[in-house]
């Protein structure tokens, strides 16, 4: 993606975060809504027009340019070596999960028995591993995409199966916003592929809601975990009863 394209993508994201529609923007700068849509769609905008839009939307132009400069291609997964390094240190894995959840350094030290120097050291390790980019004042940005997932049957997934799954399913799943379903079906490979695609879409929707709710106060949010599995399988006790 070229730099001008990235600038407009960042600007579009900033407008969306501020709740400013193309129509609202068009009214503020005396242009038609269709012209605004065309500029963003064709990604053809002069610097003076960019500055005008930022001013009308109350968005700092320098912030847009800085975010575009910081943007880089992001990966959907880590490597086997990277995941192995994470599970070798439980504190490092905890810090990785916190960073993937966009926790601040203050939130981490308030929640867990980790000192600020310990957290900074762990964040520096995650920077060397390529999961985050550590910035001044102990801030960071992710180097992985919103579609990030752990390697199938990789070190982290195996660690979760051994240490996490039992603890996760020990709950009653009857609290506000909770659900547990086990739905068997006989499907063709095409139908199974269609459902798998919808699962990926669901993961994307979860990422969108997560990004949106980051604007809320910490007390207005709670930690939820979506655990989804889909495979060709039959309970072994049932298989034993087959003819």
Protein backbone atom coordinates (compact mmCIF):
# COMPACT_ATOMS: atom_id res chain seq x y z
CA UNK A 1 0.00 0.00 0.00
CA UNK A 2 1.46 3.37 -0.98
CA UNK A 3 1.90 6.21 1.52
CA UNK A 4 -0.94 8.37 0.09
CA UNK A 5 -3.30 5.39 0.29
CA UNK A 6 -2.26 4.80 3.89
CA UNK A 7 -2.86 8.46 4.79
CA UNK A 8 -6.41 8.30 3.47
CA UNK A 9 -7.05 4.99 5.20
CA UNK A 10 -5.90 6.52 8.49
CA UNK A 11 -8.04 9.62 7.89
CA UNK A 12 -11.10 7.48 7.13
CA UNK A 13 -10.54 5.53 10.36
CA UNK A 14 -10.21 8.77 12.34
CA UNK A 15 -13.45 10.11 10.86
CA UNK A 16 -15.24 6.88 11.70
CA UNK A 17 -13.91 6.94 15.26
CA UNK A 18 -15.11 10.53 15.64
CA UNK A 19 -18.57 9.60 14.32
CA UNK A 20 -18.28 11.93 11.32
CA UNK A 21 -20.08 10.71 8.19
CA UNK A 22 -19.31 11.73 4.62
CA UNK A 23 -22.51 13.80 4.60
CA UNK A 24 -21.54 15.65 7.76
CA UNK A 25 -18.08 16.29 6.32
CA UNK A 26 -19.54 17.50 3.01
CA UNK A 27 -21.71 20.04 4.84
CA UNK A 28 -18.75 21.35 6.80
CA UNK A 29 -16.51 21.99 3.77
CA UNK A 30 -19.26 22.96 1.31
CA UNK A 31 -18.86 19.99 -1.03
CA UNK A 32 -21.29 17.36 -2.25
CA UNK A 33 -21.38 14.03 -0.47
CA UNK A 34 -20.74 12.25 -3.77
CA UNK A 35 -17.53 14.27 -4.27
CA UNK A 36 -16.33 13.32 -0.81
CA UNK A 37 -17.04 9.64 -1.49
CA UNK A 38 -15.25 9.86 -4.82
CA UNK A 39 -12.12 11.39 -3.26
CA UNK A 40 -11.89 8.62 -0.68
CA UNK A 41 -12.89 5.90 -3.14
CA UNK A 42 -10.34 6.94 -5.76
CA UNK A 43 -7.82 7.92 -3.07
CA UNK A 44 -7.17 11.17 -4.88
CA UNK A 45 -6.81 14.14 -2.53
CA UNK A 46 -4.54 17.17 -2.49
CA UNK A 47 -2.60 18.11 0.63
CA UNK A 48 -4.60 21.33 0.97
CA UNK A 49 -7.87 19.37 0.83
CA UNK A 50 -6.49 16.91 3.39
CA UNK A 51 -5.65 19.79 5.72
CA UNK A 52 -9.12 21.31 5.18
CA UNK A 53 -10.87 18.04 6.04
CA UNK A 54 -8.75 17.53 9.16
CA UNK A 55 -9.53 21.06 10.34
CA UNK A 56 -13.26 20.65 9.69
CA UNK A 57 -13.32 17.32 11.52
CA UNK A 58 -11.22 18.50 14.47
CA UNK A 59 -8.51 15.97 13.68
CA UNK A 60 -4.83 16.89 13.93
CA UNK A 61 -3.20 16.58 10.51
CA UNK A 62 0.14 15.75 12.10
CA UNK A 63 -1.46 12.81 13.94
CA UNK A 64 -2.86 11.43 10.68
CA UNK A 65 0.52 11.73 8.95
CA UNK A 66 2.33 10.19 11.92
CA UNK A 67 -0.03 7.21 12.07
CA UNK A 68 0.35 6.66 8.33
CA UNK A 69 4.15 6.79 8.67
CA UNK A 70 4.06 4.29 11.51
CA UNK A 71 1.79 1.91 9.61
CA UNK A 72 3.40 -1.17 8.14
CA UNK A 73 2.29 -4.49 6.69
CA UNK A 74 1.02 -6.65 9.53
CA UNK A 75 1.08 -10.39 9.90
CA UNK A 76 -1.85 -12.61 10.87
CA UNK A 77 0.31 -15.13 12.78
CA UNK A 78 3.60 -15.44 14.61
CA UNK A 79 6.30 -17.91 13.67
CA UNK A 80 6.90 -21.21 15.45
CA UNK A 81 10.01 -19.73 17.07
CA UNK A 82 8.13 -16.66 18.28
CA UNK A 83 5.32 -18.71 19.85
CA UNK A 84 7.84 -21.06 21.49
CA UNK A 85 9.54 -18.04 23.08
CA UNK A 86 6.20 -16.84 24.48
CA UNK A 87 5.23 -20.05 26.24
CA UNK A 88 8.72 -20.46 27.67
CA UNK A 89 7.92 -17.56 30.03
CA UNK A 90 4.38 -17.40 31.48
CA UNK A 91 4.83 -13.71 32.34
CA UNK A 92 5.80 -12.99 28.74
CA UNK A 93 2.71 -14.82 27.46
CA UNK A 94 0.55 -12.83 29.90
CA UNK A 95 2.09 -9.58 28.67
CA UNK A 96 1.52 -10.64 25.04
CA UNK A 97 -2.17 -11.33 25.71
CA UNK A 98 -2.51 -7.99 27.53
CA UNK A 99 -0.92 -6.17 24.59
CA UNK A 100 -3.19 -7.97 22.12
CA UNK A 101 -6.04 -6.62 24.28
CA UNK A 102 -4.55 -3.09 24.05
CA UNK A 103 -4.01 -2.79 27.81
CA UNK A 104 -1.99 0.20 28.99
CA UNK A 105 1.05 -0.23 31.23
CA UNK A 106 -0.95 1.30 34.10
CA UNK A 107 -3.81 -1.19 33.65
CA UNK A 108 -1.41 -4.12 33.69
CA UNK A 109 0.42 -3.06 36.87
CA UNK A 110 -2.88 -2.30 38.62
CA UNK A 111 -4.30 -5.72 37.73
CA UNK A 112 -1.34 -8.10 38.07
CA UNK A 113 1.55 -8.49 40.49
CA UNK A 114 4.04 -7.07 38.03
CA UNK A 115 6.17 -3.99 38.69
CA UNK A 116 6.57 -1.26 36.11
CA UNK A 117 10.24 -2.19 35.40
CA UNK A 118 9.19 -5.84 34.94
CA UNK A 119 6.46 -4.83 32.49
CA UNK A 120 8.83 -2.61 30.52
CA UNK A 121 11.33 -5.46 30.31
CA UNK A 122 8.63 -7.84 29.06
CA UNK A 123 7.42 -5.28 26.51
CA UNK A 124 11.00 -4.90 25.28
CA UNK A 125 11.12 -8.69 24.76
CA UNK A 126 7.84 -8.55 22.81
CA UNK A 127 9.35 -5.79 20.69
CA UNK A 128 12.37 -7.98 19.90
CA UNK A 129 10.02 -10.87 19.08
CA UNK A 130 8.12 -8.68 16.63
CA UNK A 131 4.71 -8.75 18.35
CA UNK A 132 4.71 -5.05 19.28
CA UNK A 133 6.66 -1.91 18.54
CA UNK A 134 7.68 -0.22 21.77
CA UNK A 135 7.36 3.57 21.64
CA UNK A 136 8.41 6.47 23.91
CA UNK A 137 6.70 6.81 27.31
CA UNK A 138 6.19 3.03 27.41
CA UNK A 139 3.47 3.09 24.78
CA UNK A 140 3.31 0.52 21.98
CA UNK A 141 1.59 -0.45 18.74
CA UNK A 142 0.82 -3.97 17.53
CA UNK A 143 2.77 -5.46 14.65
CA UNK A 144 0.02 -8.02 14.01
CA UNK A 145 -3.26 -7.51 12.18
CA UNK A 146 -6.80 -7.45 13.54
CA UNK A 147 -7.17 -10.94 12.04
CA UNK A 148 -4.35 -12.27 14.23
CA UNK A 149 -4.64 -15.90 15.31
CA UNK A 150 -2.34 -18.41 16.99
CA UNK A 151 -0.73 -21.10 14.83
CA UNK A 152 -3.00 -24.14 14.35
CA UNK A 153 -1.71 -26.82 16.74
CA UNK A 154 1.21 -24.53 17.47
CA UNK A 155 2.96 -24.03 20.82
CA UNK A 156 0.40 -21.55 22.18
CA UNK A 157 -2.61 -23.63 21.12
CA UNK A 158 -1.07 -26.71 22.74
CA UNK A 159 -0.38 -24.72 25.89
CA UNK A 160 -4.00 -23.53 25.95
CA UNK A 161 -5.32 -27.07 25.50
CA UNK A 162 -3.20 -28.31 28.39
CA UNK A 163 -3.63 -25.45 30.84
CA UNK A 164 -6.55 -23.26 29.77
CA UNK A 165 -9.39 -25.24 28.17
CA UNK A 166 -10.38 -27.11 31.35
CA UNK A 167 -10.44 -23.89 33.35
CA UNK A 168 -12.46 -22.15 30.62
CA UNK A 169 -15.17 -24.83 30.42
CA UNK A 170 -15.40 -25.12 34.20
CA UNK A 171 -17.74 -22.09 34.15
CA UNK A 172 -21.55 -22.25 34.01
CA UNK A 173 -21.88 -19.95 30.94
CA UNK A 174 -25.04 -18.44 32.39
CA UNK A 175 -23.82 -14.92 33.12
CA UNK A 176 -24.79 -11.73 31.20
CA UNK A 177 -23.53 -11.97 27.63
CA UNK A 178 -22.34 -15.58 28.03
CA UNK A 179 -23.28 -18.57 25.86
CA UNK A 180 -22.22 -22.18 25.30
CA UNK A 181 -23.42 -24.28 22.38
CA UNK A 182 -22.46 -27.68 20.99
CA UNK A 183 -24.27 -28.19 17.70
CA UNK A 184 -23.65 -31.39 15.68
CA UNK A 185 -24.49 -31.48 11.96
CA UNK A 186 -23.77 -33.55 8.86
CA UNK A 187 -22.38 -31.25 6.17
CA UNK A 188 -20.68 -31.38 2.81
CA UNK A 189 -17.13 -30.07 2.55
CA UNK A 190 -18.48 -27.03 0.71
CA UNK A 191 -20.91 -26.25 3.53
CA UNK A 192 -18.18 -26.79 6.11
CA UNK A 193 -15.99 -24.34 4.22
CA UNK A 194 -18.81 -21.79 4.15
CA UNK A 195 -19.24 -22.06 7.91
CA UNK A 196 -15.50 -21.72 8.47
CA UNK A 197 -15.57 -18.47 6.52
CA UNK A 198 -18.40 -17.21 8.75
CA UNK A 199 -16.32 -18.07 11.82
CA UNK A 200 -13.53 -15.87 10.45
CA UNK A 201 -16.12 -13.12 9.93
CA UNK A 202 -17.24 -13.54 13.54
CA UNK A 203 -13.64 -13.11 14.68
CA UNK A 204 -13.47 -9.91 12.64
CA UNK A 205 -16.68 -8.67 14.25
CA UNK A 206 -15.25 -9.36 17.70
CA UNK A 207 -12.14 -7.34 16.78
CA UNK A 208 -14.35 -4.45 15.59
CA UNK A 209 -16.37 -4.38 18.82
CA UNK A 210 -13.16 -4.59 20.82
CA UNK A 211 -11.72 -1.57 18.98
CA UNK A 212 -14.91 0.45 19.41
CA UNK A 213 -15.24 -0.29 23.13
CA UNK A 214 -11.67 0.81 23.83
CA UNK A 215 -13.12 4.34 23.98
CA UNK A 216 -15.19 3.39 27.04
CA UNK A 217 -14.03 3.75 30.62
CA UNK A 218 -12.28 0.64 32.02
CA UNK A 219 -15.10 0.09 34.51
CA UNK A 220 -17.58 -0.11 31.61
CA UNK A 221 -15.79 -3.10 30.08
CA UNK A 222 -15.14 -6.66 31.19
CA UNK A 223 -12.90 -9.43 29.92
CA UNK A 224 -14.69 -11.81 27.53
CA UNK A 225 -13.08 -14.67 25.61
CA UNK A 226 -14.49 -16.27 22.46
CA UNK A 227 -13.36 -19.88 22.08
CA UNK A 228 -14.48 -21.40 18.78
CA UNK A 229 -13.75 -24.85 17.41
CA UNK A 230 -15.13 -26.58 14.33
CA UNK A 231 -13.93 -29.93 12.99
CA UNK A 232 -14.96 -33.34 11.77
CA UNK A 233 -15.54 -35.16 15.07
CA UNK A 234 -17.76 -37.55 16.97
CA UNK A 235 -17.69 -38.20 20.71
CA UNK A 236 -15.73 -41.45 21.19
CA UNK A 237 -18.42 -42.94 23.42
CA UNK A 238 -20.91 -42.46 20.60
CA UNK A 239 -18.49 -43.88 18.01
CA UNK A 240 -18.21 -47.03 20.11
CA UNK A 241 -21.97 -47.57 19.62
CA UNK A 242 -21.79 -47.49 15.82
CA UNK A 243 -22.80 -50.60 13.87
